[in-house]
Amino acid sequence: VTFIFTLLIGRVQRRQPNLVWRKFPEL
């Protein structure tokens, strides 16, 4: 239960902006 609770807390803490940038193949 502690392990699951820690995961849930982690998900709550990750409720923040998450910017991902992807580079496409170069021409």
mmCIF file of all heavy atoms, coordinates in Angstrom:
data_MODEL
# 
_entry.id   MODEL 
# 
loop_
_atom_site.group_PDB 
_atom_site.id 
_atom_site.type_symbol 
_atom_site.label_atom_id 
_atom_site.label_alt_id 
_atom_site.label_comp_id 
_atom_site.label_asym_id 
_atom_site.label_entity_id 
_atom_site.label_seq_id 
_atom_site.pdbx_PDB_ins_code 
_atom_site.Cartn_x 
_atom_site.Cartn_y 
_atom_site.Cartn_z 
_atom_site.occupancy 
_atom_site.B_iso_or_equiv 
_atom_site.pdbx_formal_charge 
_atom_site.auth_seq_id 
_atom_site.auth_comp_id 
_atom_site.auth_asym_id 
_atom_site.auth_atom_id 
_atom_site.pdbx_PDB_model_num 
ATOM 1   N N   . VAL A 1 1  ? 0.838  -1.209 0.000   1.00 0.00 ? 1  VAL A N   1 
ATOM 2   C CA  . VAL A 1 1  ? 0.000  0.000  0.000   1.00 0.00 ? 1  VAL A CA  1 
ATOM 3   C C   . VAL A 1 1  ? 0.868  1.253  0.000   1.00 0.00 ? 1  VAL A C   1 
ATOM 4   O O   . VAL A 1 1  ? 0.577  2.230  -0.695  1.00 0.00 ? 1  VAL A O   1 
ATOM 5   C CB  . VAL A 1 1  ? -0.944 -0.012 1.227   1.00 0.00 ? 1  VAL A CB  1 
ATOM 6   C CG1 . VAL A 1 1  ? -1.665 1.327  1.366   1.00 0.00 ? 1  VAL A CG1 1 
ATOM 7   C CG2 . VAL A 1 1  ? -1.953 -1.142 1.096   1.00 0.00 ? 1  VAL A CG2 1 
ATOM 8   N N   . THR A 1 2  ? 1.964  1.219  0.777   1.00 0.00 ? 2  THR A N   1 
ATOM 9   C CA  . THR A 1 2  ? 2.875  2.361  0.800   1.00 0.00 ? 2  THR A CA  1 
ATOM 10  C C   . THR A 1 2  ? 3.484  2.607  -0.567  1.00 0.00 ? 2  THR A C   1 
ATOM 11  O O   . THR A 1 2  ? 3.616  3.755  -1.016  1.00 0.00 ? 2  THR A O   1 
ATOM 12  C CB  . THR A 1 2  ? 3.998  2.118  1.827   1.00 0.00 ? 2  THR A CB  1 
ATOM 13  O OG1 . THR A 1 2  ? 3.413  1.902  3.114   1.00 0.00 ? 2  THR A OG1 1 
ATOM 14  C CG2 . THR A 1 2  ? 4.942  3.316  1.900   1.00 0.00 ? 2  THR A CG2 1 
ATOM 15  N N   . PHE A 1 3  ? 3.839  1.512  -1.257  1.00 0.00 ? 3  PHE A N   1 
ATOM 16  C CA  . PHE A 1 3  ? 4.416  1.632  -2.604  1.00 0.00 ? 3  PHE A CA  1 
ATOM 17  C C   . PHE A 1 3  ? 3.404  2.264  -3.562  1.00 0.00 ? 3  PHE A C   1 
ATOM 18  O O   . PHE A 1 3  ? 3.736  3.174  -4.321  1.00 0.00 ? 3  PHE A O   1 
ATOM 19  C CB  . PHE A 1 3  ? 4.837  0.252  -3.093  1.00 0.00 ? 3  PHE A CB  1 
ATOM 20  C CG  . PHE A 1 3  ? 5.368  0.237  -4.494  1.00 0.00 ? 3  PHE A CG  1 
ATOM 21  C CD1 . PHE A 1 3  ? 6.604  0.793  -4.790  1.00 0.00 ? 3  PHE A CD1 1 
ATOM 22  C CD2 . PHE A 1 3  ? 4.629  -0.331 -5.513  1.00 0.00 ? 3  PHE A CD2 1 
ATOM 23  C CE1 . PHE A 1 3  ? 7.087  0.790  -6.081  1.00 0.00 ? 3  PHE A CE1 1 
ATOM 24  C CE2 . PHE A 1 3  ? 5.103  -0.344 -6.804  1.00 0.00 ? 3  PHE A CE2 1 
ATOM 25  C CZ  . PHE A 1 3  ? 6.333  0.214  -7.088  1.00 0.00 ? 3  PHE A CZ  1 
ATOM 26  N N   . ILE A 1 4  ? 2.139  1.779  -3.517  1.00 0.00 ? 4  ILE A N   1 
ATOM 27  C CA  . ILE A 1 4  ? 1.101  2.336  -4.391  1.00 0.00 ? 4  ILE A CA  1 
ATOM 28  C C   . ILE A 1 4  ? 0.833  3.799  -4.041  1.00 0.00 ? 4  ILE A C   1 
ATOM 29  O O   . ILE A 1 4  ? 0.686  4.652  -4.931  1.00 0.00 ? 4  ILE A O   1 
ATOM 30  C CB  . ILE A 1 4  ? -0.195 1.509  -4.270  1.00 0.00 ? 4  ILE A CB  1 
ATOM 31  C CG1 . ILE A 1 4  ? 0.042  0.069  -4.761  1.00 0.00 ? 4  ILE A CG1 1 
ATOM 32  C CG2 . ILE A 1 4  ? -1.321 2.161  -5.058  1.00 0.00 ? 4  ILE A CG2 1 
ATOM 33  C CD1 . ILE A 1 4  ? 0.456  -0.024 -6.212  1.00 0.00 ? 4  ILE A CD1 1 
ATOM 34  N N   . PHE A 1 5  ? 0.807  4.093  -2.736  1.00 0.00 ? 5  PHE A N   1 
ATOM 35  C CA  . PHE A 1 5  ? 0.567  5.474  -2.307  1.00 0.00 ? 5  PHE A CA  1 
ATOM 36  C C   . PHE A 1 5  ? 1.684  6.394  -2.801  1.00 0.00 ? 5  PHE A C   1 
ATOM 37  O O   . PHE A 1 5  ? 1.432  7.517  -3.236  1.00 0.00 ? 5  PHE A O   1 
ATOM 38  C CB  . PHE A 1 5  ? 0.476  5.526  -0.782  1.00 0.00 ? 5  PHE A CB  1 
ATOM 39  C CG  . PHE A 1 5  ? 0.205  6.894  -0.234  1.00 0.00 ? 5  PHE A CG  1 
ATOM 40  C CD1 . PHE A 1 5  ? -1.042 7.470  -0.337  1.00 0.00 ? 5  PHE A CD1 1 
ATOM 41  C CD2 . PHE A 1 5  ? 1.220  7.628  0.382   1.00 0.00 ? 5  PHE A CD2 1 
ATOM 42  C CE1 . PHE A 1 5  ? -1.291 8.732  0.162   1.00 0.00 ? 5  PHE A CE1 1 
ATOM 43  C CE2 . PHE A 1 5  ? 0.988  8.887  0.889   1.00 0.00 ? 5  PHE A CE2 1 
ATOM 44  C CZ  . PHE A 1 5  ? -0.280 9.446  0.776   1.00 0.00 ? 5  PHE A CZ  1 
ATOM 45  N N   . THR A 1 6  ? 2.920  5.897  -2.752  1.00 0.00 ? 6  THR A N   1 
ATOM 46  C CA  . THR A 1 6  ? 4.050  6.682  -3.250  1.00 0.00 ? 6  THR A CA  1 
ATOM 47  C C   . THR A 1 6  ? 3.916  6.965  -4.737  1.00 0.00 ? 6  THR A C   1 
ATOM 48  O O   . THR A 1 6  ? 4.202  8.071  -5.211  1.00 0.00 ? 6  THR A O   1 
ATOM 49  C CB  . THR A 1 6  ? 5.370  5.944  -2.974  1.00 0.00 ? 6  THR A CB  1 
ATOM 50  O OG1 . THR A 1 6  ? 5.477  5.683  -1.568  1.00 0.00 ? 6  THR A OG1 1 
ATOM 51  C CG2 . THR A 1 6  ? 6.570  6.777  -3.422  1.00 0.00 ? 6  THR A CG2 1 
ATOM 52  N N   . LEU A 1 7  ? 3.460  5.955  -5.490  1.00 0.00 ? 7  LEU A N   1 
ATOM 53  C CA  . LEU A 1 7  ? 3.250  6.159  -6.922  1.00 0.00 ? 7  LEU A CA  1 
ATOM 54  C C   . LEU A 1 7  ? 2.173  7.214  -7.168  1.00 0.00 ? 7  LEU A C   1 
ATOM 55  O O   . LEU A 1 7  ? 2.319  8.061  -8.060  1.00 0.00 ? 7  LEU A O   1 
ATOM 56  C CB  . LEU A 1 7  ? 2.850  4.838  -7.582  1.00 0.00 ? 7  LEU A CB  1 
ATOM 57  C CG  . LEU A 1 7  ? 3.931  3.761  -7.696  1.00 0.00 ? 7  LEU A CG  1 
ATOM 58  C CD1 . LEU A 1 7  ? 3.362  2.534  -8.404  1.00 0.00 ? 7  LEU A CD1 1 
ATOM 59  C CD2 . LEU A 1 7  ? 5.135  4.285  -8.462  1.00 0.00 ? 7  LEU A CD2 1 
ATOM 60  N N   . LEU A 1 8  ? 1.096  7.142  -6.373  1.00 0.00 ? 8  LEU A N   1 
ATOM 61  C CA  . LEU A 1 8  ? 0.028  8.130  -6.543  1.00 0.00 ? 8  LEU A CA  1 
ATOM 62  C C   . LEU A 1 8  ? 0.509  9.530  -6.208  1.00 0.00 ? 8  LEU A C   1 
ATOM 63  O O   . LEU A 1 8  ? 0.170  10.506 -6.901  1.00 0.00 ? 8  LEU A O   1 
ATOM 64  C CB  . LEU A 1 8  ? -1.171 7.758  -5.661  1.00 0.00 ? 8  LEU A CB  1 
ATOM 65  C CG  . LEU A 1 8  ? -1.915 6.468  -6.036  1.00 0.00 ? 8  LEU A CG  1 
ATOM 66  C CD1 . LEU A 1 8  ? -3.016 6.181  -5.032  1.00 0.00 ? 8  LEU A CD1 1 
ATOM 67  C CD2 . LEU A 1 8  ? -2.506 6.599  -7.449  1.00 0.00 ? 8  LEU A CD2 1 
ATOM 68  N N   . ILE A 1 9  ? 1.297  9.646  -5.136  1.00 0.00 ? 9  ILE A N   1 
ATOM 69  C CA  . ILE A 1 9  ? 1.860  10.947 -4.788  1.00 0.00 ? 9  ILE A CA  1 
ATOM 70  C C   . ILE A 1 9  ? 2.747  11.464 -5.909  1.00 0.00 ? 9  ILE A C   1 
ATOM 71  O O   . ILE A 1 9  ? 2.736  12.644 -6.264  1.00 0.00 ? 9  ILE A O   1 
ATOM 72  C CB  . ILE A 1 9  ? 2.657  10.853 -3.470  1.00 0.00 ? 9  ILE A CB  1 
ATOM 73  C CG1 . ILE A 1 9  ? 1.700  10.607 -2.291  1.00 0.00 ? 9  ILE A CG1 1 
ATOM 74  C CG2 . ILE A 1 9  ? 3.475  12.115 -3.228  1.00 0.00 ? 9  ILE A CG2 1 
ATOM 75  C CD1 . ILE A 1 9  ? 0.729  11.740 -2.048  1.00 0.00 ? 9  ILE A CD1 1 
ATOM 76  N N   . GLY A 1 10 ? 3.514  10.530 -6.495  1.00 0.00 ? 10 GLY A N   1 
ATOM 77  C CA  . GLY A 1 10 ? 4.367  10.916 -7.616  1.00 0.00 ? 10 GLY A CA  1 
ATOM 78  C C   . GLY A 1 10 ? 3.566  11.440 -8.791  1.00 0.00 ? 10 GLY A C   1 
ATOM 79  O O   . GLY A 1 10 ? 3.950  12.415 -9.438  1.00 0.00 ? 10 GLY A O   1 
ATOM 80  N N   . ARG A 1 11 ? 2.420  10.793 -9.043  1.00 0.00 ? 11 ARG A N   1 
ATOM 81  C CA  . ARG A 1 11 ? 1.574  11.265 -10.143 1.00 0.00 ? 11 ARG A CA  1 
ATOM 82  C C   . ARG A 1 11 ? 1.013  12.646 -9.832  1.00 0.00 ? 11 ARG A C   1 
ATOM 83  O O   . ARG A 1 11 ? 0.915  13.507 -10.715 1.00 0.00 ? 11 ARG A O   1 
ATOM 84  C CB  . ARG A 1 11 ? 0.437  10.277 -10.393 1.00 0.00 ? 11 ARG A CB  1 
ATOM 85  C CG  . ARG A 1 11 ? 0.874  8.982  -11.055 1.00 0.00 ? 11 ARG A CG  1 
ATOM 86  C CD  . ARG A 1 11 ? -0.322 8.101  -11.368 1.00 0.00 ? 11 ARG A CD  1 
ATOM 87  N NE  . ARG A 1 11 ? -1.233 8.775  -12.299 1.00 0.00 ? 11 ARG A NE  1 
ATOM 88  C CZ  . ARG A 1 11 ? -1.125 8.722  -13.609 1.00 0.00 ? 11 ARG A CZ  1 
ATOM 89  N NH1 . ARG A 1 11 ? -0.139 8.051  -14.167 1.00 0.00 ? 11 ARG A NH1 1 
ATOM 90  N NH2 . ARG A 1 11 ? -1.997 9.349  -14.374 1.00 0.00 ? 11 ARG A NH2 1 
ATOM 91  N N   . VAL A 1 12 ? 0.637  12.846 -8.579  1.00 0.00 ? 12 VAL A N   1 
ATOM 92  C CA  . VAL A 1 12 ? 0.125  14.167 -8.196  1.00 0.00 ? 12 VAL A CA  1 
ATOM 93  C C   . VAL A 1 12 ? 1.216  15.224 -8.351  1.00 0.00 ? 12 VAL A C   1 
ATOM 94  O O   . VAL A 1 12 ? 0.982  16.332 -8.861  1.00 0.00 ? 12 VAL A O   1 
ATOM 95  C CB  . VAL A 1 12 ? -0.409 14.134 -6.750  1.00 0.00 ? 12 VAL A CB  1 
ATOM 96  C CG1 . VAL A 1 12 ? -0.739 15.544 -6.274  1.00 0.00 ? 12 VAL A CG1 1 
ATOM 97  C CG2 . VAL A 1 12 ? -1.630 13.242 -6.661  1.00 0.00 ? 12 VAL A CG2 1 
ATOM 98  N N   . GLN A 1 13 ? 2.433  14.872 -7.918  1.00 0.00 ? 13 GLN A N   1 
ATOM 99  C CA  . GLN A 1 13 ? 3.525  15.827 -8.018  1.00 0.00 ? 13 GLN A CA  1 
ATOM 100 C C   . GLN A 1 13 ? 3.890  16.122 -9.470  1.00 0.00 ? 13 GLN A C   1 
ATOM 101 O O   . GLN A 1 13 ? 4.447  17.177 -9.766  1.00 0.00 ? 13 GLN A O   1 
ATOM 102 C CB  . GLN A 1 13 ? 4.742  15.296 -7.270  1.00 0.00 ? 13 GLN A CB  1 
ATOM 103 C CG  . GLN A 1 13 ? 4.552  15.256 -5.765  1.00 0.00 ? 13 GLN A CG  1 
ATOM 104 C CD  . GLN A 1 13 ? 5.724  14.621 -5.054  1.00 0.00 ? 13 GLN A CD  1 
ATOM 105 O OE1 . GLN A 1 13 ? 6.516  13.891 -5.647  1.00 0.00 ? 13 GLN A OE1 1 
ATOM 106 N NE2 . GLN A 1 13 ? 5.843  14.906 -3.766  1.00 0.00 ? 13 GLN A NE2 1 
ATOM 107 N N   . ARG A 1 14 ? 3.611  15.154 -10.361 1.00 0.00 ? 14 ARG A N   1 
ATOM 108 C CA  . ARG A 1 14 ? 3.928  15.378 -11.764 1.00 0.00 ? 14 ARG A CA  1 
ATOM 109 C C   . ARG A 1 14 ? 2.836  16.153 -12.495 1.00 0.00 ? 14 ARG A C   1 
ATOM 110 O O   . ARG A 1 14 ? 2.910  16.306 -13.716 1.00 0.00 ? 14 ARG A O   1 
ATOM 111 C CB  . ARG A 1 14 ? 4.165  14.029 -12.461 1.00 0.00 ? 14 ARG A CB  1 
ATOM 112 C CG  . ARG A 1 14 ? 5.488  13.372 -12.086 1.00 0.00 ? 14 ARG A CG  1 
ATOM 113 C CD  . ARG A 1 14 ? 5.836  12.268 -13.046 1.00 0.00 ? 14 ARG A CD  1 
ATOM 114 N NE  . ARG A 1 14 ? 4.883  11.181 -12.990 1.00 0.00 ? 14 ARG A NE  1 
ATOM 115 C CZ  . ARG A 1 14 ? 4.979  10.130 -12.174 1.00 0.00 ? 14 ARG A CZ  1 
ATOM 116 N NH1 . ARG A 1 14 ? 5.974  10.058 -11.330 1.00 0.00 ? 14 ARG A NH1 1 
ATOM 117 N NH2 . ARG A 1 14 ? 4.076  9.170  -12.188 1.00 0.00 ? 14 ARG A NH2 1 
ATOM 118 N N   . ARG A 1 15 ? 1.822  16.584 -11.780 1.00 0.00 ? 15 ARG A N   1 
ATOM 119 C CA  . ARG A 1 15 ? 0.780  17.373 -12.428 1.00 0.00 ? 15 ARG A CA  1 
ATOM 120 C C   . ARG A 1 15 ? 1.281  18.800 -12.620 1.00 0.00 ? 15 ARG A C   1 
ATOM 121 O O   . ARG A 1 15 ? 0.881  19.737 -11.932 1.00 0.00 ? 15 ARG A O   1 
ATOM 122 C CB  . ARG A 1 15 ? -0.500 17.352 -11.587 1.00 0.00 ? 15 ARG A CB  1 
ATOM 123 C CG  . ARG A 1 15 ? -1.150 15.983 -11.502 1.00 0.00 ? 15 ARG A CG  1 
ATOM 124 C CD  . ARG A 1 15 ? -2.425 16.036 -10.691 1.00 0.00 ? 15 ARG A CD  1 
ATOM 125 N NE  . ARG A 1 15 ? -3.441 16.856 -11.346 1.00 0.00 ? 15 ARG A NE  1 
ATOM 126 C CZ  . ARG A 1 15 ? -4.291 16.389 -12.259 1.00 0.00 ? 15 ARG A CZ  1 
ATOM 127 N NH1 . ARG A 1 15 ? -4.228 15.130 -12.626 1.00 0.00 ? 15 ARG A NH1 1 
ATOM 128 N NH2 . ARG A 1 15 ? -5.192 17.178 -12.801 1.00 0.00 ? 15 ARG A NH2 1 
ATOM 129 N N   . GLN A 1 16 ? 2.188  18.942 -13.551 1.00 0.00 ? 16 GLN A N   1 
ATOM 130 C CA  . GLN A 1 16 ? 2.787  20.217 -13.871 1.00 0.00 ? 16 GLN A CA  1 
ATOM 131 C C   . GLN A 1 16 ? 3.100  20.243 -15.357 1.00 0.00 ? 16 GLN A C   1 
ATOM 132 O O   . GLN A 1 16 ? 2.983  19.221 -16.034 1.00 0.00 ? 16 GLN A O   1 
ATOM 133 C CB  . GLN A 1 16 ? 4.051  20.428 -13.040 1.00 0.00 ? 16 GLN A CB  1 
ATOM 134 C CG  . GLN A 1 16 ? 5.080  19.323 -13.161 1.00 0.00 ? 16 GLN A CG  1 
ATOM 135 C CD  . GLN A 1 16 ? 6.227  19.545 -12.194 1.00 0.00 ? 16 GLN A CD  1 
ATOM 136 O OE1 . GLN A 1 16 ? 6.652  20.658 -11.973 1.00 0.00 ? 16 GLN A OE1 1 
ATOM 137 N NE2 . GLN A 1 16 ? 6.730  18.464 -11.627 1.00 0.00 ? 16 GLN A NE2 1 
ATOM 138 N N   . PRO A 1 17 ? 3.459  21.398 -15.894 1.00 0.00 ? 17 PRO A N   1 
ATOM 139 C CA  . PRO A 1 17 ? 3.766  21.462 -17.327 1.00 0.00 ? 17 PRO A CA  1 
ATOM 140 C C   . PRO A 1 17 ? 4.912  20.525 -17.697 1.00 0.00 ? 17 PRO A C   1 
ATOM 141 O O   . PRO A 1 17 ? 5.885  20.403 -16.974 1.00 0.00 ? 17 PRO A O   1 
ATOM 142 C CB  . PRO A 1 17 ? 4.160  22.920 -17.526 1.00 0.00 ? 17 PRO A CB  1 
ATOM 143 C CG  . PRO A 1 17 ? 3.549  23.662 -16.403 1.00 0.00 ? 17 PRO A CG  1 
ATOM 144 C CD  . PRO A 1 17 ? 3.547  22.719 -15.243 1.00 0.00 ? 17 PRO A CD  1 
ATOM 145 N N   . ASN A 1 18 ? 4.764  19.864 -18.831 1.00 0.00 ? 18 ASN A N   1 
ATOM 146 C CA  . ASN A 1 18 ? 5.797  18.957 -19.320 1.00 0.00 ? 18 ASN A CA  1 
ATOM 147 C C   . ASN A 1 18 ? 5.985  19.213 -20.813 1.00 0.00 ? 18 ASN A C   1 
ATOM 148 O O   . ASN A 1 18 ? 5.210  18.730 -21.633 1.00 0.00 ? 18 ASN A O   1 
ATOM 149 C CB  . ASN A 1 18 ? 5.395  17.503 -19.065 1.00 0.00 ? 18 ASN A CB  1 
ATOM 150 C CG  . ASN A 1 18 ? 6.480  16.527 -19.490 1.00 0.00 ? 18 ASN A CG  1 
ATOM 151 O OD1 . ASN A 1 18 ? 7.611  16.921 -19.767 1.00 0.00 ? 18 ASN A OD1 1 
ATOM 152 N ND2 . ASN A 1 18 ? 6.136  15.254 -19.558 1.00 0.00 ? 18 ASN A ND2 1 
ATOM 153 N N   . LEU A 1 19 ? 7.004  20.001 -21.129 1.00 0.00 ? 19 LEU A N   1 
ATOM 154 C CA  . LEU A 1 19 ? 7.252  20.360 -22.524 1.00 0.00 ? 19 LEU A CA  1 
ATOM 155 C C   . LEU A 1 19 ? 8.194  19.345 -23.164 1.00 0.00 ? 19 LEU A C   1 
ATOM 156 O O   . LEU A 1 19 ? 9.257  19.046 -22.624 1.00 0.00 ? 19 LEU A O   1 
ATOM 157 C CB  . LEU A 1 19 ? 7.856  21.767 -22.618 1.00 0.00 ? 19 LEU A CB  1 
ATOM 158 C CG  . LEU A 1 19 ? 6.990  22.903 -22.043 1.00 0.00 ? 19 LEU A CG  1 
ATOM 159 C CD1 . LEU A 1 19 ? 7.634  24.239 -22.348 1.00 0.00 ? 19 LEU A CD1 1 
ATOM 160 C CD2 . LEU A 1 19 ? 5.587  22.859 -22.608 1.00 0.00 ? 19 LEU A CD2 1 
ATOM 161 N N   . VAL A 1 20 ? 7.781  18.834 -24.290 1.00 0.00 ? 20 VAL A N   1 
ATOM 162 C CA  . VAL A 1 20 ? 8.557  17.852 -25.038 1.00 0.00 ? 20 VAL A CA  1 
ATOM 163 C C   . VAL A 1 20 ? 8.846  18.424 -26.413 1.00 0.00 ? 20 VAL A C   1 
ATOM 164 O O   . VAL A 1 20 ? 7.944  18.914 -27.091 1.00 0.00 ? 20 VAL A O   1 
ATOM 165 C CB  . VAL A 1 20 ? 7.794  16.514 -25.159 1.00 0.00 ? 20 VAL A CB  1 
ATOM 166 C CG1 . VAL A 1 20 ? 8.598  15.513 -25.979 1.00 0.00 ? 20 VAL A CG1 1 
ATOM 167 C CG2 . VAL A 1 20 ? 7.483  15.951 -23.778 1.00 0.00 ? 20 VAL A CG2 1 
ATOM 168 N N   . TRP A 1 21 ? 10.122 18.392 -26.812 1.00 0.00 ? 21 TRP A N   1 
ATOM 169 C CA  . TRP A 1 21 ? 10.452 18.872 -28.153 1.00 0.00 ? 21 TRP A CA  1 
ATOM 170 C C   . TRP A 1 21 ? 11.063 17.748 -28.975 1.00 0.00 ? 21 TRP A C   1 
ATOM 171 O O   . TRP A 1 21 ? 11.932 17.023 -28.525 1.00 0.00 ? 21 TRP A O   1 
ATOM 172 C CB  . TRP A 1 21 ? 11.332 20.121 -28.114 1.00 0.00 ? 21 TRP A CB  1 
ATOM 173 C CG  . TRP A 1 21 ? 12.567 20.039 -27.249 1.00 0.00 ? 21 TRP A CG  1 
ATOM 174 C CD1 . TRP A 1 21 ? 13.827 19.774 -27.649 1.00 0.00 ? 21 TRP A CD1 1 
ATOM 175 C CD2 . TRP A 1 21 ? 12.641 20.296 -25.847 1.00 0.00 ? 21 TRP A CD2 1 
ATOM 176 N NE1 . TRP A 1 21 ? 14.701 19.824 -26.602 1.00 0.00 ? 21 TRP A NE1 1 
ATOM 177 C CE2 . TRP A 1 21 ? 13.996 20.152 -25.459 1.00 0.00 ? 21 TRP A CE2 1 
ATOM 178 C CE3 . TRP A 1 21 ? 11.714 20.619 -24.855 1.00 0.00 ? 21 TRP A CE3 1 
ATOM 179 C CZ2 . TRP A 1 21 ? 14.432 20.319 -24.166 1.00 0.00 ? 21 TRP A CZ2 1 
ATOM 180 C CZ3 . TRP A 1 21 ? 12.151 20.784 -23.563 1.00 0.00 ? 21 TRP A CZ3 1 
ATOM 181 C CH2 . TRP A 1 21 ? 13.491 20.642 -23.222 1.00 0.00 ? 21 TRP A CH2 1 
ATOM 182 N N   . ARG A 1 22 ? 10.528 17.622 -30.173 1.00 0.00 ? 22 ARG A N   1 
ATOM 183 C CA  . ARG A 1 22 ? 10.919 16.541 -31.072 1.00 0.00 ? 22 ARG A CA  1 
ATOM 184 C C   . ARG A 1 22 ? 11.508 17.138 -32.358 1.00 0.00 ? 22 ARG A C   1 
ATOM 185 O O   . ARG A 1 22 ? 10.934 18.027 -32.969 1.00 0.00 ? 22 ARG A O   1 
ATOM 186 C CB  . ARG A 1 22 ? 9.697  15.693 -31.404 1.00 0.00 ? 22 ARG A CB  1 
ATOM 187 C CG  . ARG A 1 22 ? 9.967  14.537 -32.355 1.00 0.00 ? 22 ARG A CG  1 
ATOM 188 C CD  . ARG A 1 22 ? 8.703  13.764 -32.676 1.00 0.00 ? 22 ARG A CD  1 
ATOM 189 N NE  . ARG A 1 22 ? 8.092  13.217 -31.475 1.00 0.00 ? 22 ARG A NE  1 
ATOM 190 C CZ  . ARG A 1 22 ? 6.946  13.649 -30.959 1.00 0.00 ? 22 ARG A CZ  1 
ATOM 191 N NH1 . ARG A 1 22 ? 6.297  14.641 -31.549 1.00 0.00 ? 22 ARG A NH1 1 
ATOM 192 N NH2 . ARG A 1 22 ? 6.459  13.119 -29.865 1.00 0.00 ? 22 ARG A NH2 1 
ATOM 193 N N   . LYS A 1 23 ? 12.645 16.607 -32.731 1.00 0.00 ? 23 LYS A N   1 
ATOM 194 C CA  . LYS A 1 23 ? 13.288 17.066 -33.975 1.00 0.00 ? 23 LYS A CA  1 
ATOM 195 C C   . LYS A 1 23 ? 12.933 16.108 -35.108 1.00 0.00 ? 23 LYS A C   1 
ATOM 196 O O   . LYS A 1 23 ? 13.071 14.891 -34.969 1.00 0.00 ? 23 LYS A O   1 
ATOM 197 C CB  . LYS A 1 23 ? 14.804 17.124 -33.802 1.00 0.00 ? 23 LYS A CB  1 
ATOM 198 C CG  . LYS A 1 23 ? 15.534 17.606 -35.050 1.00 0.00 ? 23 LYS A CG  1 
ATOM 199 C CD  . LYS A 1 23 ? 17.030 17.575 -34.836 1.00 0.00 ? 23 LYS A CD  1 
ATOM 200 C CE  . LYS A 1 23 ? 17.767 18.007 -36.112 1.00 0.00 ? 23 LYS A CE  1 
ATOM 201 N NZ  . LYS A 1 23 ? 19.230 17.944 -35.956 1.00 0.00 ? 23 LYS A NZ  1 
ATOM 202 N N   . PHE A 1 24 ? 12.494 16.668 -36.225 1.00 0.00 ? 24 PHE A N   1 
ATOM 203 C CA  . PHE A 1 24 ? 12.181 15.860 -37.391 1.00 0.00 ? 24 PHE A CA  1 
ATOM 204 C C   . PHE A 1 24 ? 13.438 15.647 -38.229 1.00 0.00 ? 24 PHE A C   1 
ATOM 205 O O   . PHE A 1 24 ? 14.432 16.379 -38.088 1.00 0.00 ? 24 PHE A O   1 
ATOM 206 C CB  . PHE A 1 24 ? 11.079 16.531 -38.220 1.00 0.00 ? 24 PHE A CB  1 
ATOM 207 C CG  . PHE A 1 24 ? 9.751  16.548 -37.515 1.00 0.00 ? 24 PHE A CG  1 
ATOM 208 C CD1 . PHE A 1 24 ? 9.268  17.708 -36.922 1.00 0.00 ? 24 PHE A CD1 1 
ATOM 209 C CD2 . PHE A 1 24 ? 8.989  15.394 -37.430 1.00 0.00 ? 24 PHE A CD2 1 
ATOM 210 C CE1 . PHE A 1 24 ? 8.054  17.724 -36.276 1.00 0.00 ? 24 PHE A CE1 1 
ATOM 211 C CE2 . PHE A 1 24 ? 7.771  15.401 -36.774 1.00 0.00 ? 24 PHE A CE2 1 
ATOM 212 C CZ  . PHE A 1 24 ? 7.299  16.560 -36.197 1.00 0.00 ? 24 PHE A CZ  1 
ATOM 213 N N   . PRO A 1 25 ? 13.420 14.642 -39.114 1.00 0.00 ? 25 PRO A N   1 
ATOM 214 C CA  . PRO A 1 25 ? 14.606 14.392 -39.945 1.00 0.00 ? 25 PRO A CA  1 
ATOM 215 C C   . PRO A 1 25 ? 15.033 15.638 -40.723 1.00 0.00 ? 25 PRO A C   1 
ATOM 216 O O   . PRO A 1 25 ? 14.213 16.384 -41.249 1.00 0.00 ? 25 PRO A O   1 
ATOM 217 C CB  . PRO A 1 25 ? 14.134 13.284 -40.880 1.00 0.00 ? 25 PRO A CB  1 
ATOM 218 C CG  . PRO A 1 25 ? 13.055 12.574 -40.115 1.00 0.00 ? 25 PRO A CG  1 
ATOM 219 C CD  . PRO A 1 25 ? 12.357 13.648 -39.337 1.00 0.00 ? 25 PRO A CD  1 
ATOM 220 N N   . GLU A 1 26 ? 16.331 15.817 -40.752 1.00 0.00 ? 26 GLU A N   1 
ATOM 221 C CA  . GLU A 1 26 ? 16.889 17.012 -41.404 1.00 0.00 ? 26 GLU A CA  1 
ATOM 222 C C   . GLU A 1 26 ? 16.882 16.860 -42.926 1.00 0.00 ? 26 GLU A C   1 
ATOM 223 O O   . GLU A 1 26 ? 17.120 15.777 -43.463 1.00 0.00 ? 26 GLU A O   1 
ATOM 224 C CB  . GLU A 1 26 ? 18.322 17.215 -40.903 1.00 0.00 ? 26 GLU A CB  1 
ATOM 225 C CG  . GLU A 1 26 ? 18.995 18.461 -41.436 1.00 0.00 ? 26 GLU A CG  1 
ATOM 226 C CD  . GLU A 1 26 ? 20.386 18.638 -40.863 1.00 0.00 ? 26 GLU A CD  1 
ATOM 227 O OE1 . GLU A 1 26 ? 20.776 17.816 -40.017 1.00 0.00 ? 26 GLU A OE1 1 
ATOM 228 O OE2 . GLU A 1 26 ? 21.076 19.579 -41.281 1.00 0.00 ? 26 GLU A OE2 1 
ATOM 229 N N   . LEU A 1 27 ? 16.601 17.972 -43.626 1.00 0.00 ? 27 LEU A N   1 
ATOM 230 C CA  . LEU A 1 27 ? 16.652 18.019 -45.096 1.00 0.00 ? 27 LEU A CA  1 
ATOM 231 C C   . LEU A 1 27 ? 17.905 18.780 -45.499 1.00 0.00 ? 27 LEU A C   1 
ATOM 232 O O   . LEU A 1 27 ? 18.070 19.959 -45.160 1.00 0.00 ? 27 LEU A O   1 
ATOM 233 C CB  . LEU A 1 27 ? 15.410 18.714 -45.658 1.00 0.00 ? 27 LEU A CB  1 
ATOM 234 C CG  . LEU A 1 27 ? 14.056 18.043 -45.320 1.00 0.00 ? 27 LEU A CG  1 
ATOM 235 C CD1 . LEU A 1 27 ? 12.913 18.888 -45.865 1.00 0.00 ? 27 LEU A CD1 1 
ATOM 236 C CD2 . LEU A 1 27 ? 13.997 16.634 -45.884 1.00 0.00 ? 27 LEU A CD2 1 
# 
